[in-house]
Protein backbone atom coordinates (compact mmCIF):
# COMPACT_ATOMS: atom_id res chain seq x y z
CA UNK A 1 -45.72 -26.01 24.40
CA UNK A 2 -43.08 -28.07 26.13
CA UNK A 3 -41.21 -28.33 22.80
CA UNK A 4 -40.85 -24.58 22.74
CA UNK A 5 -39.47 -24.55 26.28
CA UNK A 6 -36.94 -27.21 25.29
CA UNK A 7 -35.86 -25.64 22.00
CA UNK A 8 -35.98 -21.95 22.94
CA UNK A 9 -32.64 -21.84 24.84
CA UNK A 10 -30.81 -23.47 21.93
CA UNK A 11 -32.41 -21.10 19.42
CA UNK A 12 -31.52 -18.06 21.53
CA UNK A 13 -27.90 -19.18 21.97
CA UNK A 14 -27.71 -19.90 18.24
CA UNK A 15 -28.98 -16.41 17.42
CA UNK A 16 -26.53 -14.81 19.84
CA UNK A 17 -23.69 -16.76 18.23
CA UNK A 18 -24.87 -15.73 14.76
CA UNK A 19 -24.98 -12.02 15.70
CA UNK A 20 -21.55 -12.23 17.34
CA UNK A 21 -20.00 -13.90 14.31
CA UNK A 22 -21.71 -11.44 11.97
CA UNK A 23 -20.27 -8.48 13.89
CA UNK A 24 -16.80 -10.06 13.94
CA UNK A 25 -16.84 -10.64 10.19
CA UNK A 26 -18.15 -7.12 9.51
CA UNK A 27 -15.38 -5.63 11.68
CA UNK A 28 -12.80 -7.74 9.85
CA UNK A 29 -14.20 -6.61 6.49
CA UNK A 30 -14.00 -2.96 7.53
CA UNK A 31 -10.44 -3.44 8.79
CA UNK A 32 -9.38 -5.04 5.51
CA UNK A 33 -10.92 -2.17 3.54
CA UNK A 34 -9.15 0.41 5.70
CA UNK A 35 -5.86 -1.45 5.32
CA UNK A 36 -6.33 -1.58 1.54
CA UNK A 37 -7.00 2.18 1.43
CA UNK A 38 -3.93 2.90 3.55
CA UNK A 39 -1.79 0.63 1.36
CA UNK A 40 -3.09 2.31 -1.80
CA UNK A 41 -2.25 5.74 -0.38
CA UNK A 42 1.21 4.54 0.63
CA UNK A 43 1.81 3.11 -2.84
CA UNK A 44 0.62 6.33 -4.48
CA UNK A 45 2.86 8.41 -2.22
CA UNK A 46 5.84 6.15 -2.94
CA UNK A 47 5.21 6.44 -6.68
CA UNK A 48 4.97 10.25 -6.53
CA UNK A 49 7.04 11.60 -3.60
CA UNK A 50 6.00 15.23 -4.26
CA UNK A 51 2.35 14.35 -3.70
CA UNK A 52 0.96 15.89 -0.53
CA UNK A 53 -0.80 13.87 2.15
CA UNK A 54 -4.53 14.64 1.78
CA UNK A 55 -5.11 14.12 5.49
CA UNK A 56 -2.47 16.68 6.48
CA UNK A 57 -3.76 20.23 6.33
CA UNK A 58 -1.43 22.82 4.83
CA UNK A 59 -3.17 25.73 6.50
CA UNK A 60 -3.36 27.79 3.28
CA UNK A 61 -7.14 27.62 3.01
CA UNK A 62 -7.89 30.83 4.89
């Protein structure tokens, strides 16, 4: 039982570190995907300047 008391703090800190790193990498992944989508939209708009922005509402859908 004393082994558990000795190892438990290290295991808990290791798990906290793992969860923190996992959340950082997931946030980075999501940011890269969002940046890629924004870049693709910018490239598509630059290739076809008459294309409308899909996020901007035209107000004609009454």
